[in-house]
Amino acid sequence: HHATLNFTCLEMRDSEQPAEAKSAPQELVQQLLSGGWKEYIDVAGENALPRYDATAYSQMLLNVRPDGVNLNGPPKLKMSGLTYLRLSDDLLQTDNFQLFKKFVKKMHADL
């Protein structure tokens, strides 16, 4: 039985949530990733919101590759996949698309 645990909200940060929501998506993602990697379960993820900003892309990179780039080989911890939801006209606007292309290049660093 080979399965991949897929989770959402990779772009969301705790500090961006209203206090009254008592929501901690960043912490929840970290708990899920830590548990999955500890048990040798493949984990994958996706964005939940239509965001096209550097902060969201940076948060996604932190989740997908928490140890960053490993110059001595592939990263030790990494998600097995990422689905980027919401291909739209907004994403394809010049500034948004330039940021997205940088994000994709960073996703592929040292693989």
N, C-alpha and C. Protein backbone atom coordinates (compact mmCIF):
# COMPACT_ATOMS: atom_id res chain seq x y z
N HIS A 1 0.84 -1.17 0.00
CA HIS A 1 0.00 0.00 0.00
C HIS A 1 0.89 1.24 0.00
N HIS A 2 0.92 1.89 -1.10
CA HIS A 2 1.69 3.14 -1.18
C HIS A 2 0.69 4.29 -1.33
N ALA A 3 0.79 5.21 -0.43
CA ALA A 3 -0.12 6.36 -0.47
C ALA A 3 0.67 7.62 -0.15
N THR A 4 0.13 8.73 -0.56
CA THR A 4 0.71 10.04 -0.25
C THR A 4 -0.31 10.85 0.50
N LEU A 5 0.11 11.41 1.61
CA LEU A 5 -0.75 12.29 2.39
C LEU A 5 -0.68 13.69 1.78
N ASN A 6 -1.80 14.20 1.32
CA ASN A 6 -1.85 15.50 0.66
C ASN A 6 -2.59 16.49 1.56
N PHE A 7 -1.98 17.65 1.76
CA PHE A 7 -2.56 18.64 2.65
C PHE A 7 -2.57 20.01 1.99
N THR A 8 -3.42 20.86 2.46
CA THR A 8 -3.60 22.18 1.85
C THR A 8 -3.05 23.28 2.76
N CYS A 9 -3.19 24.49 2.36
CA CYS A 9 -2.85 25.74 3.08
C CYS A 9 -1.35 25.96 3.26
N LEU A 10 -0.55 25.48 2.31
CA LEU A 10 0.91 25.63 2.43
C LEU A 10 1.36 27.08 2.41
N GLU A 11 0.58 27.97 1.82
CA GLU A 11 0.97 29.38 1.70
C GLU A 11 0.55 30.22 2.90
N MET A 12 -0.25 29.66 3.78
CA MET A 12 -0.82 30.44 4.88
C MET A 12 0.13 30.51 6.08
N ARG A 13 0.15 31.68 6.73
CA ARG A 13 0.97 31.88 7.92
C ARG A 13 0.07 32.20 9.10
N ASP A 14 0.49 31.77 10.27
CA ASP A 14 -0.30 32.02 11.49
C ASP A 14 -0.54 33.51 11.69
N SER A 15 0.48 34.31 11.45
CA SER A 15 0.39 35.76 11.71
C SER A 15 -0.59 36.48 10.79
N GLU A 16 -1.02 35.84 9.73
CA GLU A 16 -1.96 36.46 8.80
C GLU A 16 -3.42 36.16 9.14
N GLN A 17 -3.64 35.35 10.15
CA GLN A 17 -5.00 34.95 10.50
C GLN A 17 -5.55 35.88 11.58
N PRO A 18 -6.84 36.20 11.52
CA PRO A 18 -7.42 37.04 12.57
C PRO A 18 -7.41 36.30 13.91
N ALA A 19 -7.11 37.02 14.97
CA ALA A 19 -7.00 36.41 16.30
C ALA A 19 -8.28 35.67 16.69
N GLU A 20 -9.42 36.24 16.34
CA GLU A 20 -10.68 35.62 16.74
C GLU A 20 -10.92 34.27 16.05
N ALA A 21 -10.21 34.00 14.98
CA ALA A 21 -10.35 32.71 14.30
C ALA A 21 -9.66 31.59 15.06
N LYS A 22 -8.69 31.96 15.91
CA LYS A 22 -7.90 30.98 16.65
C LYS A 22 -7.37 29.90 15.69
N SER A 23 -6.87 30.37 14.58
CA SER A 23 -6.39 29.50 13.52
C SER A 23 -4.87 29.55 13.44
N ALA A 24 -4.26 28.41 13.25
CA ALA A 24 -2.80 28.34 13.15
C ALA A 24 -2.42 27.41 12.00
N PRO A 25 -2.67 27.81 10.76
CA PRO A 25 -2.39 26.93 9.62
C PRO A 25 -0.92 26.56 9.49
N GLN A 26 -0.05 27.49 9.79
CA GLN A 26 1.39 27.24 9.70
C GLN A 26 1.80 26.14 10.68
N GLU A 27 1.31 26.24 11.89
CA GLU A 27 1.61 25.23 12.92
C GLU A 27 1.00 23.88 12.53
N LEU A 28 -0.20 23.90 12.01
CA LEU A 28 -0.87 22.66 11.60
C LEU A 28 -0.09 21.96 10.49
N VAL A 29 0.36 22.71 9.50
CA VAL A 29 1.15 22.13 8.42
C VAL A 29 2.44 21.52 8.98
N GLN A 30 3.11 22.22 9.88
CA GLN A 30 4.34 21.70 10.46
C GLN A 30 4.11 20.41 11.24
N GLN A 31 3.01 20.35 11.98
CA GLN A 31 2.68 19.12 12.72
C GLN A 31 2.47 17.95 11.75
N LEU A 32 1.74 18.22 10.69
CA LEU A 32 1.46 17.18 9.70
C LEU A 32 2.75 16.71 9.02
N LEU A 33 3.58 17.66 8.58
CA LEU A 33 4.83 17.29 7.92
C LEU A 33 5.75 16.52 8.85
N SER A 34 5.91 17.00 10.06
CA SER A 34 6.79 16.32 11.02
C SER A 34 6.33 14.90 11.28
N GLY A 35 5.04 14.74 11.49
CA GLY A 35 4.49 13.40 11.73
C GLY A 35 4.65 12.49 10.53
N GLY A 36 4.39 13.02 9.35
CA GLY A 36 4.54 12.21 8.14
C GLY A 36 5.97 11.78 7.91
N TRP A 37 6.91 12.71 8.01
CA TRP A 37 8.31 12.37 7.80
C TRP A 37 8.82 11.42 8.87
N LYS A 38 8.38 11.60 10.09
CA LYS A 38 8.80 10.72 11.19
C LYS A 38 8.38 9.28 10.92
N GLU A 39 7.23 9.10 10.30
CA GLU A 39 6.70 7.77 10.01
C GLU A 39 7.01 7.32 8.57
N TYR A 40 7.87 8.06 7.88
CA TYR A 40 8.28 7.73 6.50
C TYR A 40 7.09 7.67 5.54
N ILE A 41 6.16 8.59 5.72
CA ILE A 41 5.01 8.72 4.83
C ILE A 41 5.32 9.83 3.83
N ASP A 42 5.06 9.57 2.56
CA ASP A 42 5.19 10.63 1.56
C ASP A 42 4.13 11.68 1.83
N VAL A 43 4.55 12.92 1.84
CA VAL A 43 3.59 14.02 2.04
C VAL A 43 3.68 14.97 0.85
N ALA A 44 2.54 15.48 0.46
CA ALA A 44 2.44 16.44 -0.64
C ALA A 44 1.50 17.55 -0.18
N GLY A 45 1.43 18.60 -0.95
CA GLY A 45 0.56 19.69 -0.52
C GLY A 45 0.14 20.59 -1.66
N GLU A 46 -0.65 21.58 -1.27
CA GLU A 46 -1.17 22.54 -2.24
C GLU A 46 -1.49 23.85 -1.54
N ASN A 47 -1.63 24.89 -2.33
CA ASN A 47 -2.07 26.18 -1.80
C ASN A 47 -3.58 26.16 -1.65
N ALA A 48 -4.09 26.93 -0.71
CA ALA A 48 -5.54 27.01 -0.49
C ALA A 48 -6.15 28.26 -1.10
N LEU A 49 -5.36 29.31 -1.18
CA LEU A 49 -5.89 30.62 -1.58
C LEU A 49 -5.24 31.10 -2.88
N PRO A 50 -5.94 31.93 -3.64
CA PRO A 50 -5.34 32.51 -4.84
C PRO A 50 -4.44 33.69 -4.47
N ARG A 51 -3.17 33.38 -4.18
CA ARG A 51 -2.20 34.42 -3.82
C ARG A 51 -1.06 34.40 -4.80
N TYR A 52 -0.57 35.59 -5.12
CA TYR A 52 0.47 35.73 -6.12
C TYR A 52 1.60 36.62 -5.60
N ASP A 53 1.93 36.48 -4.33
CA ASP A 53 2.91 37.37 -3.70
C ASP A 53 4.11 36.59 -3.18
N ALA A 54 5.22 37.29 -3.02
CA ALA A 54 6.47 36.67 -2.58
C ALA A 54 6.34 36.04 -1.20
N THR A 55 5.56 36.63 -0.32
CA THR A 55 5.39 36.08 1.03
C THR A 55 4.76 34.69 0.97
N ALA A 56 3.73 34.55 0.17
CA ALA A 56 3.07 33.24 0.04
C ALA A 56 4.01 32.22 -0.59
N TYR A 57 4.73 32.61 -1.63
CA TYR A 57 5.66 31.69 -2.27
C TYR A 57 6.78 31.28 -1.31
N SER A 58 7.27 32.21 -0.51
CA SER A 58 8.32 31.89 0.46
C SER A 58 7.82 30.90 1.50
N GLN A 59 6.59 31.09 1.95
CA GLN A 59 6.01 30.17 2.93
C GLN A 59 5.86 28.77 2.33
N MET A 60 5.45 28.71 1.09
CA MET A 60 5.33 27.41 0.43
C MET A 60 6.69 26.73 0.32
N LEU A 61 7.72 27.49 -0.04
CA LEU A 61 9.07 26.92 -0.12
C LEU A 61 9.55 26.41 1.23
N LEU A 62 9.26 27.16 2.29
CA LEU A 62 9.64 26.71 3.64
C LEU A 62 8.99 25.39 4.00
N ASN A 63 7.76 25.20 3.58
CA ASN A 63 7.07 23.95 3.87
C ASN A 63 7.55 22.81 2.99
N VAL A 64 7.74 23.08 1.72
CA VAL A 64 8.14 22.03 0.79
C VAL A 64 9.56 21.56 1.05
N ARG A 65 10.45 22.50 1.41
CA ARG A 65 11.86 22.18 1.64
C ARG A 65 12.34 22.89 2.90
N PRO A 66 11.99 22.38 4.07
CA PRO A 66 12.28 23.11 5.31
C PRO A 66 13.77 23.31 5.60
N ASP A 67 14.62 22.47 5.03
CA ASP A 67 16.06 22.63 5.25
C ASP A 67 16.72 23.47 4.16
N GLY A 68 15.91 23.99 3.24
CA GLY A 68 16.46 24.82 2.17
C GLY A 68 17.19 24.00 1.13
N VAL A 69 18.16 24.62 0.48
CA VAL A 69 18.93 23.98 -0.58
C VAL A 69 20.12 23.27 0.04
N ASN A 70 20.36 22.03 -0.37
CA ASN A 70 21.49 21.25 0.10
C ASN A 70 22.53 21.21 -1.01
N LEU A 71 23.66 21.84 -0.81
CA LEU A 71 24.69 21.89 -1.84
C LEU A 71 25.40 20.56 -2.03
N ASN A 72 25.20 19.61 -1.11
CA ASN A 72 25.88 18.32 -1.18
C ASN A 72 24.98 17.19 -1.64
N GLY A 73 23.88 17.51 -2.26
CA GLY A 73 22.96 16.47 -2.74
C GLY A 73 21.53 16.89 -2.55
N PRO A 74 20.62 15.95 -2.76
CA PRO A 74 19.20 16.28 -2.62
C PRO A 74 18.85 16.62 -1.18
N PRO A 75 17.82 17.41 -0.97
CA PRO A 75 17.43 17.76 0.39
C PRO A 75 16.99 16.53 1.18
N LYS A 76 17.29 16.52 2.46
CA LYS A 76 16.92 15.38 3.30
C LYS A 76 15.42 15.35 3.56
N LEU A 77 14.85 16.52 3.79
CA LEU A 77 13.41 16.61 4.01
C LEU A 77 12.80 17.40 2.86
N LYS A 78 11.83 16.80 2.21
CA LYS A 78 11.12 17.52 1.15
C LYS A 78 9.78 16.83 0.94
N MET A 79 8.85 17.61 0.47
CA MET A 79 7.55 17.06 0.13
C MET A 79 7.68 16.31 -1.19
N SER A 80 6.86 15.30 -1.37
CA SER A 80 6.94 14.51 -2.60
C SER A 80 6.24 15.18 -3.77
N GLY A 81 5.44 16.20 -3.50
CA GLY A 81 4.76 16.89 -4.58
C GLY A 81 4.10 18.17 -4.13
N LEU A 82 3.87 19.03 -5.07
CA LEU A 82 3.17 20.29 -4.82
C LEU A 82 2.21 20.54 -5.97
N THR A 83 0.97 20.80 -5.64
CA THR A 83 -0.02 21.20 -6.64
C THR A 83 -0.27 22.69 -6.46
N TYR A 84 -0.03 23.44 -7.51
CA TYR A 84 -0.32 24.87 -7.45
C TYR A 84 -1.70 25.09 -8.05
N LEU A 85 -2.65 25.44 -7.20
CA LEU A 85 -4.03 25.63 -7.63
C LEU A 85 -4.26 27.06 -8.11
N ARG A 86 -5.20 27.19 -8.98
CA ARG A 86 -5.73 28.48 -9.42
C ARG A 86 -4.92 29.14 -10.53
N LEU A 87 -4.70 28.41 -11.60
CA LEU A 87 -4.16 29.03 -12.80
C LEU A 87 -5.23 29.97 -13.32
N SER A 88 -4.92 31.24 -13.37
CA SER A 88 -5.94 32.23 -13.71
C SER A 88 -5.32 33.39 -14.50
N ASP A 89 -6.19 34.25 -14.98
CA ASP A 89 -5.71 35.46 -15.65
C ASP A 89 -4.89 36.33 -14.70
N ASP A 90 -5.27 36.35 -13.42
CA ASP A 90 -4.50 37.12 -12.43
C ASP A 90 -3.07 36.62 -12.33
N LEU A 91 -2.89 35.30 -12.29
CA LEU A 91 -1.55 34.73 -12.21
C LEU A 91 -0.73 35.10 -13.44
N LEU A 92 -1.36 35.14 -14.59
CA LEU A 92 -0.64 35.38 -15.83
C LEU A 92 -0.35 36.85 -16.11
N GLN A 93 -0.80 37.75 -15.25
CA GLN A 93 -0.44 39.16 -15.40
C GLN A 93 1.06 39.29 -15.17
N THR A 94 1.70 40.20 -15.87
CA THR A 94 3.16 40.28 -15.95
C THR A 94 3.87 40.19 -14.61
N ASP A 95 3.56 41.05 -13.65
CA ASP A 95 4.27 41.04 -12.37
C ASP A 95 4.03 39.75 -11.61
N ASN A 96 2.80 39.29 -11.59
CA ASN A 96 2.48 38.04 -10.89
C ASN A 96 3.20 36.86 -11.53
N PHE A 97 3.22 36.83 -12.84
CA PHE A 97 3.83 35.70 -13.53
C PHE A 97 5.35 35.70 -13.34
N GLN A 98 5.97 36.87 -13.28
CA GLN A 98 7.41 36.94 -13.03
C GLN A 98 7.74 36.35 -11.66
N LEU A 99 6.95 36.70 -10.65
CA LEU A 99 7.16 36.13 -9.31
C LEU A 99 6.95 34.63 -9.32
N PHE A 100 5.93 34.18 -10.02
CA PHE A 100 5.64 32.75 -10.09
C PHE A 100 6.79 31.99 -10.75
N LYS A 101 7.37 32.53 -11.81
CA LYS A 101 8.50 31.88 -12.47
C LYS A 101 9.70 31.76 -11.53
N LYS A 102 9.96 32.79 -10.73
CA LYS A 102 11.04 32.73 -9.74
C LYS A 102 10.77 31.63 -8.72
N PHE A 103 9.53 31.55 -8.28
CA PHE A 103 9.12 30.51 -7.33
C PHE A 103 9.37 29.11 -7.91
N VAL A 104 8.99 28.89 -9.14
CA VAL A 104 9.18 27.58 -9.78
C VAL A 104 10.66 27.24 -9.87
N LYS A 105 11.49 28.20 -10.23
CA LYS A 105 12.94 27.96 -10.30
C LYS A 105 13.49 27.57 -8.94
N LYS A 106 13.05 28.25 -7.89
CA LYS A 106 13.50 27.92 -6.54
C LYS A 106 13.03 26.53 -6.12
N MET A 107 11.85 26.15 -6.56
CA MET A 107 11.34 24.82 -6.25
C MET A 107 12.24 23.73 -6.82
N HIS A 108 12.87 24.01 -7.94
CA HIS A 108 13.68 23.00 -8.63
C HIS A 108 15.17 23.08 -8.28
N ALA A 109 15.56 23.98 -7.41
CA ALA A 109 16.98 24.12 -7.05
C ALA A 109 17.49 22.83 -6.42
N ASP A 110 18.62 22.38 -6.82
CA ASP A 110 19.39 21.22 -6.35
C ASP A 110 18.66 19.88 -6.45
N LEU A 111 17.69 19.77 -7.33
CA LEU A 111 17.02 18.47 -7.50
C LEU A 111 17.62 17.71 -8.66
